[in-house]
């Protein structure tokens, strides 16, 4: 349905990953070999933190233009420097093409994005929306299943325990979907951050989720590819999690297993099993 990338580490220009790689995010918007849709041209978004100070709210730029066509994205991604950013290219699967339906979604210091879908969403959307905290409901600006999923996670305690809250939100989606006769309600990969840690989740009810990869650590890559000048653009703490590998070099990007949460924080990368509780 969509493709996305999350970066955390030393501050850099987002264009380093959005525009420059062999299979950049913009290139993925035109041709996504591992995606459910080859072309993701129904809008894009960029969310970034100006620095890594606790409690800093992110800035968000979203557009309904195809990512490959938007000159503002090129200008902005080269002008900004940030230690953590999310970027997303969209292939609309029902909800209209409008800015409020483009990812990432923001609430206070949190960013959220999703690649996939809630199957049969319209048939039980009302049940899910009524579960959203009444104080959070006015924050839902668009019409996508992804934004409702985000607000369910906020309702279930995202700010205290992101993994448990996303798990509870997905479990609620599955319960409502099954009650509506949908066999496999949840599909996709989810990324959420508070500006310090990135949690990236690969999960689907069917156990056949959209692809997700994380980068190997930069010091290891320098040893593997000592002549790769491209690595000079990254600090030792740079970490990327992305829908598809950004290049074809062996060992640079490793697949995140099915039903797994990948955690990217100042201590590095680790993952653990993810099953909605």
C-alpha atoms as a PDB file:
ATOM      1  CA  UNK A   1       0.000   0.000   0.000  1.00  0.00           C
ATOM      2  CA  UNK A   2       2.830   2.426   0.877  1.00  0.00           C
ATOM      3  CA  UNK A   3       6.556   2.500   1.642  1.00  0.00           C
ATOM      4  CA  UNK A   4       8.344   4.210   4.495  1.00  0.00           C
ATOM      5  CA  UNK A   5      11.728   4.868   6.089  1.00  0.00           C
ATOM      6  CA  UNK A   6      12.824   5.856   9.591  1.00  0.00           C
ATOM      7  CA  UNK A   7      16.291   7.179  10.473  1.00  0.00           C
ATOM      8  CA  UNK A   8      17.939   7.815  13.829  1.00  0.00           C
ATOM      9  CA  UNK A   9      21.540   8.688  14.676  1.00  0.00           C
ATOM     10  CA  UNK A  10      23.858  11.595  14.073  1.00  0.00           C
ATOM     11  CA  UNK A  11      22.161  14.593  12.473  1.00  0.00           C
ATOM     12  CA  UNK A  12      22.145  14.564   8.674  1.00  0.00           C
ATOM     13  CA  UNK A  13      20.204  15.910   5.729  1.00  0.00           C
ATOM     14  CA  UNK A  14      17.157  13.694   5.015  1.00  0.00           C
ATOM     15  CA  UNK A  15      18.056  13.909   1.309  1.00  0.00           C
ATOM     16  CA  UNK A  16      20.945  11.540   2.127  1.00  0.00           C
ATOM     17  CA  UNK A  17      18.342   8.764   2.303  1.00  0.00           C
ATOM     18  CA  UNK A  18      15.300  10.232   0.556  1.00  0.00           C
ATOM     19  CA  UNK A  19      17.051  11.243  -2.681  1.00  0.00           C
ATOM     20  CA  UNK A  20      20.610   9.939  -2.924  1.00  0.00           C
ATOM     21  CA  UNK A  21      20.649   6.093  -2.583  1.00  0.00           C
ATOM     22  CA  UNK A  22      20.371   3.658  -5.485  1.00  0.00           C
ATOM     23  CA  UNK A  23      16.879   2.665  -4.300  1.00  0.00           C
ATOM     24  CA  UNK A  24      15.952   5.869  -2.484  1.00  0.00           C
ATOM     25  CA  UNK A  25      12.531   6.621  -1.030  1.00  0.00           C
ATOM     26  CA  UNK A  26      11.758   8.764  -4.076  1.00  0.00           C
ATOM     27  CA  UNK A  27      12.895   5.904  -6.346  1.00  0.00           C
ATOM     28  CA  UNK A  28      10.593   3.566  -4.371  1.00  0.00           C
ATOM     29  CA  UNK A  29       7.684   5.891  -5.040  1.00  0.00           C
ATOM     30  CA  UNK A  30       8.225   5.286  -8.774  1.00  0.00           C
ATOM     31  CA  UNK A  31       9.162   1.611  -8.650  1.00  0.00           C
ATOM     32  CA  UNK A  32       8.728  -0.571  -5.556  1.00  0.00           C
ATOM     33  CA  UNK A  33       9.645  -4.157  -6.517  1.00  0.00           C
ATOM     34  CA  UNK A  34       8.768  -5.607  -3.084  1.00  0.00           C
ATOM     35  CA  UNK A  35       5.605  -3.579  -2.578  1.00  0.00           C
ATOM     36  CA  UNK A  36       1.986  -4.567  -3.016  1.00  0.00           C
ATOM     37  CA  UNK A  37       1.800  -1.643  -5.467  1.00  0.00           C
ATOM     38  CA  UNK A  38       4.705  -0.852  -7.768  1.00  0.00           C
ATOM     39  CA  UNK A  39       3.967   2.893  -7.845  1.00  0.00           C
ATOM     40  CA  UNK A  40       3.353   4.965  -4.691  1.00  0.00           C
ATOM     41  CA  UNK A  41       2.380   8.329  -6.144  1.00  0.00           C
ATOM     42  CA  UNK A  42      -0.590   9.439  -4.023  1.00  0.00           C
ATOM     43  CA  UNK A  43       1.253  11.788  -1.721  1.00  0.00           C
ATOM     44  CA  UNK A  44       4.137  11.711   0.730  1.00  0.00           C
ATOM     45  CA  UNK A  45       5.185  13.016   4.096  1.00  0.00           C
ATOM     46  CA  UNK A  46       8.299  13.971   6.047  1.00  0.00           C
ATOM     47  CA  UNK A  47       8.373  14.328   9.821  1.00  0.00           C
ATOM     48  CA  UNK A  48      11.549  15.374  11.620  1.00  0.00           C
ATOM     49  CA  UNK A  49      12.886  16.465  14.996  1.00  0.00           C
ATOM     50  CA  UNK A  50      15.036  19.601  15.041  1.00  0.00           C
ATOM     51  CA  UNK A  51      17.239  18.068  17.745  1.00  0.00           C
ATOM     52  CA  UNK A  52      17.327  15.155  20.148  1.00  0.00           C
ATOM     53  CA  UNK A  53      16.309  17.088  23.291  1.00  0.00           C
ATOM     54  CA  UNK A  54      13.584  15.333  25.337  1.00  0.00           C
ATOM     55  CA  UNK A  55      10.065  16.578  24.696  1.00  0.00           C
ATOM     56  CA  UNK A  56      10.843  18.374  21.435  1.00  0.00           C
ATOM     57  CA  UNK A  57       7.870  18.257  19.060  1.00  0.00           C
ATOM     58  CA  UNK A  58       8.519  17.226  15.461  1.00  0.00           C
ATOM     59  CA  UNK A  59       7.796  19.267  12.360  1.00  0.00           C
ATOM     60  CA  UNK A  60       5.725  17.686   9.576  1.00  0.00           C
ATOM     61  CA  UNK A  61       5.521  18.406   5.846  1.00  0.00           C
ATOM     62  CA  UNK A  62       2.901  16.512   3.818  1.00  0.00           C
ATOM     63  CA  UNK A  63       1.784  16.851   0.224  1.00  0.00           C
ATOM     64  CA  UNK A  64      -0.558  15.125  -2.227  1.00  0.00           C
ATOM     65  CA  UNK A  65       2.043  15.504  -4.987  1.00  0.00           C
ATOM     66  CA  UNK A  66       3.950  12.406  -6.108  1.00  0.00           C
ATOM     67  CA  UNK A  67       7.258  12.408  -4.240  1.00  0.00           C
ATOM     68  CA  UNK A  68       9.244  12.300  -7.475  1.00  0.00           C
ATOM     69  CA  UNK A  69       7.489  15.422  -8.735  1.00  0.00           C
ATOM     70  CA  UNK A  70       7.673  17.702  -5.691  1.00  0.00           C
ATOM     71  CA  UNK A  71      10.465  20.264  -5.801  1.00  0.00           C
ATOM     72  CA  UNK A  72       9.661  21.406  -2.255  1.00  0.00           C
ATOM     73  CA  UNK A  73      10.610  17.953  -0.935  1.00  0.00           C
ATOM     74  CA  UNK A  74      13.982  18.204  -2.649  1.00  0.00           C
ATOM     75  CA  UNK A  75      14.614  21.681  -1.256  1.00  0.00           C
ATOM     76  CA  UNK A  76      13.459  20.864   2.267  1.00  0.00           C
ATOM     77  CA  UNK A  77      15.247  17.529   2.545  1.00  0.00           C
ATOM     78  CA  UNK A  78      18.538  19.247   1.651  1.00  0.00           C
ATOM     79  CA  UNK A  79      18.004  22.289   3.891  1.00  0.00           C
ATOM     80  CA  UNK A  80      17.119  20.450   7.117  1.00  0.00           C
ATOM     81  CA  UNK A  81      19.515  18.582   9.401  1.00  0.00           C
ATOM     82  CA  UNK A  82      17.955  16.181  11.874  1.00  0.00           C
ATOM     83  CA  UNK A  83      18.945  13.277  14.155  1.00  0.00           C
ATOM     84  CA  UNK A  84      15.624  11.471  13.633  1.00  0.00           C
ATOM     85  CA  UNK A  85      13.085  11.561  10.832  1.00  0.00           C
ATOM     86  CA  UNK A  86      10.229   9.581   9.288  1.00  0.00           C
ATOM     87  CA  UNK A  87       9.322   9.662   5.607  1.00  0.00           C
ATOM     88  CA  UNK A  88       6.469   7.919   3.794  1.00  0.00           C
ATOM     89  CA  UNK A  89       5.178   7.583   0.219  1.00  0.00           C
ATOM     90  CA  UNK A  90       1.525   6.674  -0.224  1.00  0.00           C
ATOM     91  CA  UNK A  91      -0.498   4.479  -2.557  1.00  0.00           C
ATOM     92  CA  UNK A  92      -4.121   5.263  -1.750  1.00  0.00           C
ATOM     93  CA  UNK A  93      -6.344   2.210  -1.325  1.00  0.00           C
ATOM     94  CA  UNK A  94      -9.752   3.744  -0.799  1.00  0.00           C
ATOM     95  CA  UNK A  95      -9.435   6.873   1.376  1.00  0.00           C
ATOM     96  CA  UNK A  96      -9.166  10.012  -0.779  1.00  0.00           C
ATOM     97  CA  UNK A  97      -5.937  11.705  -1.791  1.00  0.00           C
ATOM     98  CA  UNK A  98      -5.656  14.659   0.588  1.00  0.00           C
ATOM     99  CA  UNK A  99      -2.967  16.074   2.872  1.00  0.00           C
ATOM    100  CA  UNK A 100      -4.666  14.903   6.070  1.00  0.00           C
ATOM    101  CA  UNK A 101      -4.474  11.305   4.805  1.00  0.00           C
ATOM    102  CA  UNK A 102      -0.712  11.449   4.211  1.00  0.00           C
ATOM    103  CA  UNK A 103       1.671   9.978   6.786  1.00  0.00           C
ATOM    104  CA  UNK A 104       3.358  10.463   9.180  1.00  0.00           C
ATOM    105  CA  UNK A 105       0.704  11.409  11.703  1.00  0.00           C
ATOM    106  CA  UNK A 106       1.681  13.538  14.708  1.00  0.00           C
ATOM    107  CA  UNK A 107       0.421  13.929  18.266  1.00  0.00           C
ATOM    108  CA  UNK A 108       2.463  16.038  20.685  1.00  0.00           C
ATOM    109  CA  UNK A 109       6.020  14.705  20.413  1.00  0.00           C
ATOM    110  CA  UNK A 110       4.982  11.425  18.720  1.00  0.00           C
ATOM    111  CA  UNK A 111       5.088  10.398  15.052  1.00  0.00           C
ATOM    112  CA  UNK A 112       3.340   7.373  13.536  1.00  0.00           C
ATOM    113  CA  UNK A 113       3.207   5.781  10.078  1.00  0.00           C
ATOM    114  CA  UNK A 114       1.854   2.564   8.593  1.00  0.00           C
ATOM    115  CA  UNK A 115       2.343   0.505   5.444  1.00  0.00           C
ATOM    116  CA  UNK A 116      -0.544  -1.862   4.855  1.00  0.00           C
ATOM    117  CA  UNK A 117      -4.254  -1.857   5.525  1.00  0.00           C
ATOM    118  CA  UNK A 118      -7.060  -2.824   7.867  1.00  0.00           C
ATOM    119  CA  UNK A 119      -9.108  -5.164   5.709  1.00  0.00           C
ATOM    120  CA  UNK A 120     -12.810  -4.389   5.565  1.00  0.00           C
ATOM    121  CA  UNK A 121     -12.226  -1.244   7.600  1.00  0.00           C
ATOM    122  CA  UNK A 122     -15.384   0.561   6.499  1.00  0.00           C
ATOM    123  CA  UNK A 123     -17.614  -2.210   7.845  1.00  0.00           C
ATOM    124  CA  UNK A 124     -16.400  -1.755  11.438  1.00  0.00           C
ATOM    125  CA  UNK A 125     -14.838   1.705  11.379  1.00  0.00           C
ATOM    126  CA  UNK A 126     -17.569   3.035  13.675  1.00  0.00           C
ATOM    127  CA  UNK A 127     -16.790   0.413  16.342  1.00  0.00           C
ATOM    128  CA  UNK A 128     -13.097   1.346  16.302  1.00  0.00           C
ATOM    129  CA  UNK A 129     -13.629   5.107  16.297  1.00  0.00           C
ATOM    130  CA  UNK A 130     -16.002   4.870  19.265  1.00  0.00           C
ATOM    131  CA  UNK A 131     -13.171   3.239  21.228  1.00  0.00           C
ATOM    132  CA  UNK A 132     -10.934   6.300  20.768  1.00  0.00           C
ATOM    133  CA  UNK A 133     -10.628   8.483  23.878  1.00  0.00           C
ATOM    134  CA  UNK A 134     -13.140  11.353  23.491  1.00  0.00           C
ATOM    135  CA  UNK A 135     -10.364  13.850  24.247  1.00  0.00           C
ATOM    136  CA  UNK A 136      -8.309  12.438  21.356  1.00  0.00           C
ATOM    137  CA  UNK A 137     -11.136  12.134  18.844  1.00  0.00           C
ATOM    138  CA  UNK A 138     -10.951  15.777  17.635  1.00  0.00           C
ATOM    139  CA  UNK A 139      -7.328  15.150  16.629  1.00  0.00           C
ATOM    140  CA  UNK A 140      -8.406  12.728  13.876  1.00  0.00           C
ATOM    141  CA  UNK A 141      -8.213  14.960  10.807  1.00  0.00           C
ATOM    142  CA  UNK A 142      -8.297  12.468   7.938  1.00  0.00           C
ATOM    143  CA  UNK A 143     -10.206   9.355   6.889  1.00  0.00           C
ATOM    144  CA  UNK A 144      -7.607   6.587   6.876  1.00  0.00           C
ATOM    145  CA  UNK A 145      -7.546   3.347   8.834  1.00  0.00           C
ATOM    146  CA  UNK A 146      -3.938   4.167   9.784  1.00  0.00           C
ATOM    147  CA  UNK A 147      -4.864   7.358  11.632  1.00  0.00           C
ATOM    148  CA  UNK A 148      -7.583   5.520  13.566  1.00  0.00           C
ATOM    149  CA  UNK A 149      -5.038   2.827  14.489  1.00  0.00           C
ATOM    150  CA  UNK A 150      -2.700   5.561  15.789  1.00  0.00           C
ATOM    151  CA  UNK A 151      -5.437   7.084  17.942  1.00  0.00           C
ATOM    152  CA  UNK A 152      -6.416   3.692  19.301  1.00  0.00           C
ATOM    153  CA  UNK A 153      -2.786   3.173  20.333  1.00  0.00           C
ATOM    154  CA  UNK A 154      -2.765   6.622  21.974  1.00  0.00           C
ATOM    155  CA  UNK A 155      -5.958   5.674  23.801  1.00  0.00           C
ATOM    156  CA  UNK A 156      -4.419   2.431  25.036  1.00  0.00           C
ATOM    157  CA  UNK A 157      -1.310   4.073  26.494  1.00  0.00           C
ATOM    158  CA  UNK A 158       1.154   4.715  23.681  1.00  0.00           C
ATOM    159  CA  UNK A 159       2.952   7.381  25.711  1.00  0.00           C
ATOM    160  CA  UNK A 160       3.654   4.931  28.540  1.00  0.00           C
ATOM    161  CA  UNK A 161       4.341   1.667  26.683  1.00  0.00           C
ATOM    162  CA  UNK A 162       4.376   1.993  22.877  1.00  0.00           C
ATOM    163  CA  UNK A 163       4.738  -1.710  22.097  1.00  0.00           C
ATOM    164  CA  UNK A 164       1.928  -2.781  24.423  1.00  0.00           C
ATOM    165  CA  UNK A 165      -0.317   0.037  23.192  1.00  0.00           C
ATOM    166  CA  UNK A 166       0.169  -0.769  19.499  1.00  0.00           C
ATOM    167  CA  UNK A 167      -0.394  -4.421  20.359  1.00  0.00           C
ATOM    168  CA  UNK A 168      -3.658  -3.584  22.127  1.00  0.00           C
ATOM    169  CA  UNK A 169      -4.773  -1.449  19.176  1.00  0.00           C
ATOM    170  CA  UNK A 170      -4.059  -4.251  16.706  1.00  0.00           C
ATOM    171  CA  UNK A 171      -5.841  -6.767  18.911  1.00  0.00           C
ATOM    172  CA  UNK A 172      -8.894  -4.493  18.987  1.00  0.00           C
ATOM    173  CA  UNK A 173      -8.779  -4.252  15.185  1.00  0.00           C
ATOM    174  CA  UNK A 174      -8.655  -8.040  14.943  1.00  0.00           C
ATOM    175  CA  UNK A 175     -11.550  -8.488  17.370  1.00  0.00           C
ATOM    176  CA  UNK A 176     -13.718  -5.985  15.499  1.00  0.00           C
ATOM    177  CA  UNK A 177     -12.726  -7.421  12.127  1.00  0.00           C
ATOM    178  CA  UNK A 178     -13.477 -10.985  13.110  1.00  0.00           C
ATOM    179  CA  UNK A 179     -16.845  -9.894  14.507  1.00  0.00           C
ATOM    180  CA  UNK A 180     -17.578  -8.345  11.090  1.00  0.00           C
ATOM    181  CA  UNK A 181     -16.617 -11.558   9.299  1.00  0.00           C
ATOM    182  CA  UNK A 182     -13.152 -10.457   8.123  1.00  0.00           C
ATOM    183  CA  UNK A 183     -10.712 -13.365   8.311  1.00  0.00           C
ATOM    184  CA  UNK A 184      -7.437 -11.406   8.240  1.00  0.00           C
ATOM    185  CA  UNK A 185      -8.098  -7.841   9.458  1.00  0.00           C
ATOM    186  CA  UNK A 186      -4.584  -6.522  10.103  1.00  0.00           C
ATOM    187  CA  UNK A 187      -1.803  -6.191   7.550  1.00  0.00           C
ATOM    188  CA  UNK A 188       1.353  -4.157   7.510  1.00  0.00           C
ATOM    189  CA  UNK A 189       4.302  -2.557   9.197  1.00  0.00           C
ATOM    190  CA  UNK A 190       4.045   0.239  11.758  1.00  0.00           C
ATOM    191  CA  UNK A 191       6.633   2.782  12.924  1.00  0.00           C
ATOM    192  CA  UNK A 192       6.266   4.999  15.969  1.00  0.00           C
ATOM    193  CA  UNK A 193       8.707   7.320  17.746  1.00  0.00           C
ATOM    194  CA  UNK A 194       8.856   9.745  20.656  1.00  0.00           C
ATOM    195  CA  UNK A 195      11.881  11.522  19.192  1.00  0.00           C
ATOM    196  CA  UNK A 196      14.421   9.374  21.031  1.00  0.00           C
ATOM    197  CA  UNK A 197      13.529   5.737  20.244  1.00  0.00           C
ATOM    198  CA  UNK A 198      12.003   4.206  17.118  1.00  0.00           C
ATOM    199  CA  UNK A 199       9.760   1.164  17.399  1.00  0.00           C
ATOM    200  CA  UNK A 200       9.123  -0.598  14.066  1.00  0.00           C
ATOM    201  CA  UNK A 201       6.619  -3.453  14.034  1.00  0.00           C
ATOM    202  CA  UNK A 202       6.079  -6.079  11.357  1.00  0.00           C
ATOM    203  CA  UNK A 203       2.826  -7.953  11.875  1.00  0.00           C
ATOM    204  CA  UNK A 204      -0.251  -9.267  10.070  1.00  0.00           C
ATOM    205  CA  UNK A 205      -3.128 -11.476  11.162  1.00  0.00           C
ATOM    206  CA  UNK A 206      -2.324 -13.869   8.320  1.00  0.00           C
ATOM    207  CA  UNK A 207       1.395 -13.987   9.139  1.00  0.00           C
ATOM    208  CA  UNK A 208       2.331 -12.653   5.679  1.00  0.00           C
ATOM    209  CA  UNK A 209       3.301  -9.061   6.387  1.00  0.00           C
ATOM    210  CA  UNK A 210       4.706  -6.316   4.175  1.00  0.00           C
ATOM    211  CA  UNK A 211       8.506  -6.372   3.968  1.00  0.00           C
ATOM    212  CA  UNK A 212      10.710  -4.554   6.492  1.00  0.00           C
ATOM    213  CA  UNK A 213      14.497  -4.233   6.757  1.00  0.00           C
ATOM    214  CA  UNK A 214      17.003  -2.617   9.103  1.00  0.00           C
ATOM    215  CA  UNK A 215      20.540  -1.517   8.374  1.00  0.00           C
ATOM    216  CA  UNK A 216      23.603  -3.235   9.794  1.00  0.00           C
ATOM    217  CA  UNK A 217      25.645  -1.063  12.159  1.00  0.00           C
ATOM    218  CA  UNK A 218      27.943   1.406  10.415  1.00  0.00           C
ATOM    219  CA  UNK A 219      31.247   0.278  12.020  1.00  0.00           C
ATOM    220  CA  UNK A 220      30.596  -3.246  10.717  1.00  0.00           C
ATOM    221  CA  UNK A 221      29.765  -1.901   7.266  1.00  0.00           C
ATOM    222  CA  UNK A 222      33.002   0.115   7.174  1.00  0.00           C
ATOM    223  CA  UNK A 223      34.909  -3.151   7.695  1.00  0.00           C
ATOM    224  CA  UNK A 224      32.835  -4.963   5.064  1.00  0.00           C
ATOM    225  CA  UNK A 225      33.163  -2.165   2.483  1.00  0.00           C
ATOM    226  CA  UNK A 226      36.316  -0.130   3.320  1.00  0.00           C
ATOM    227  CA  UNK A 227      36.247   1.639  -0.056  1.00  0.00           C
ATOM    228  CA  UNK A 228      32.589   2.678   0.106  1.00  0.00           C
ATOM    229  CA  UNK A 229      32.750   6.486   0.147  1.00  0.00           C
ATOM    230  CA  UNK A 230      28.989   6.555   0.664  1.00  0.00           C
ATOM    231  CA  UNK A 231      29.498   5.474   4.299  1.00  0.00           C
ATOM    232  CA  UNK A 232      31.334   8.733   5.010  1.00  0.00           C
ATOM    233  CA  UNK A 233      27.913  10.406   5.073  1.00  0.00           C
ATOM    234  CA  UNK A 234      26.931   8.500   8.239  1.00  0.00           C
ATOM    235  CA  UNK A 235      28.086   8.516  11.844  1.00  0.00           C
ATOM    236  CA  UNK A 236      28.701   5.363  13.843  1.00  0.00           C
ATOM    237  CA  UNK A 237      25.245   5.548  15.485  1.00  0.00           C
ATOM    238  CA  UNK A 238      23.281   5.835  12.234  1.00  0.00           C
ATOM    239  CA  UNK A 239      20.401   3.350  11.989  1.00  0.00           C
ATOM    240  CA  UNK A 240      17.763   2.917   9.309  1.00  0.00           C
ATOM    241  CA  UNK A 241      14.616   0.807   9.165  1.00  0.00           C
ATOM    242  CA  UNK A 242      12.901   0.767   5.791  1.00  0.00           C
ATOM    243  CA  UNK A 243      10.299  -1.061   3.725  1.00  0.00           C
ATOM    244  CA  UNK A 244      12.869  -2.103   1.108  1.00  0.00           C
ATOM    245  CA  UNK A 245      16.697  -2.105   0.993  1.00  0.00           C
ATOM    246  CA  UNK A 246      18.184   1.153  -0.287  1.00  0.00           C
ATOM    247  CA  UNK A 247      20.919  -0.624  -2.251  1.00  0.00           C
ATOM    248  CA  UNK A 248      21.892  -4.075  -3.528  1.00  0.00           C
ATOM    249  CA  UNK A 249      25.074  -4.564  -1.464  1.00  0.00           C
ATOM    250  CA  UNK A 250      24.989  -7.870   0.468  1.00  0.00           C
ATOM    251  CA  UNK A 251      24.736  -7.551   4.234  1.00  0.00           C
ATOM    252  CA  UNK A 252      23.852  -3.861   4.376  1.00  0.00           C
ATOM    253  CA  UNK A 253      20.150  -4.417   5.036  1.00  0.00           C
ATOM    254  CA  UNK A 254      18.789  -7.346   7.042  1.00  0.00           C
ATOM    255  CA  UNK A 255      15.154  -8.441   7.020  1.00  0.00           C
ATOM    256  CA  UNK A 256      13.124  -7.912  10.178  1.00  0.00           C
ATOM    257  CA  UNK A 257      11.395 -11.232  10.988  1.00  0.00           C
ATOM    258  CA  UNK A 258       7.654 -11.718  10.875  1.00  0.00           C
ATOM    259  CA  UNK A 259       5.733 -10.779  14.064  1.00  0.00           C
ATOM    260  CA  UNK A 260       8.659  -8.749  15.392  1.00  0.00           C
ATOM    261  CA  UNK A 261       9.203  -5.326  16.922  1.00  0.00           C
ATOM    262  CA  UNK A 262      12.526  -3.731  15.974  1.00  0.00           C
ATOM    263  CA  UNK A 263      13.815  -1.173  18.481  1.00  0.00           C
ATOM    264  CA  UNK A 264      16.284   1.520  17.436  1.00  0.00           C
ATOM    265  CA  UNK A 265      17.599   3.559  20.350  1.00  0.00           C
ATOM    266  CA  UNK A 266      20.884   5.149  21.513  1.00  0.00           C
ATOM    267  CA  UNK A 267      22.100   1.698  22.606  1.00  0.00           C
ATOM    268  CA  UNK A 268      21.792   0.341  19.071  1.00  0.00           C
ATOM    269  CA  UNK A 269      19.435  -2.077  17.371  1.00  0.00           C
ATOM    270  CA  UNK A 270      17.606  -5.013  18.921  1.00  0.00           C
ATOM    271  CA  UNK A 271      14.365  -6.839  18.293  1.00  0.00           C
ATOM    272  CA  UNK A 272      11.932  -9.124  20.034  1.00  0.00           C
ATOM    273  CA  UNK A 273       8.805 -11.098  19.242  1.00  0.00           C
ATOM    274  CA  UNK A 274       5.628  -9.085  18.784  1.00  0.00           C
ATOM    275  CA  UNK A 275       2.211 -10.545  19.413  1.00  0.00           C
ATOM    276  CA  UNK A 276      -0.749  -8.300  20.281  1.00  0.00           C
ATOM    277  CA  UNK A 277      -1.674  -8.947  23.898  1.00  0.00           C
END
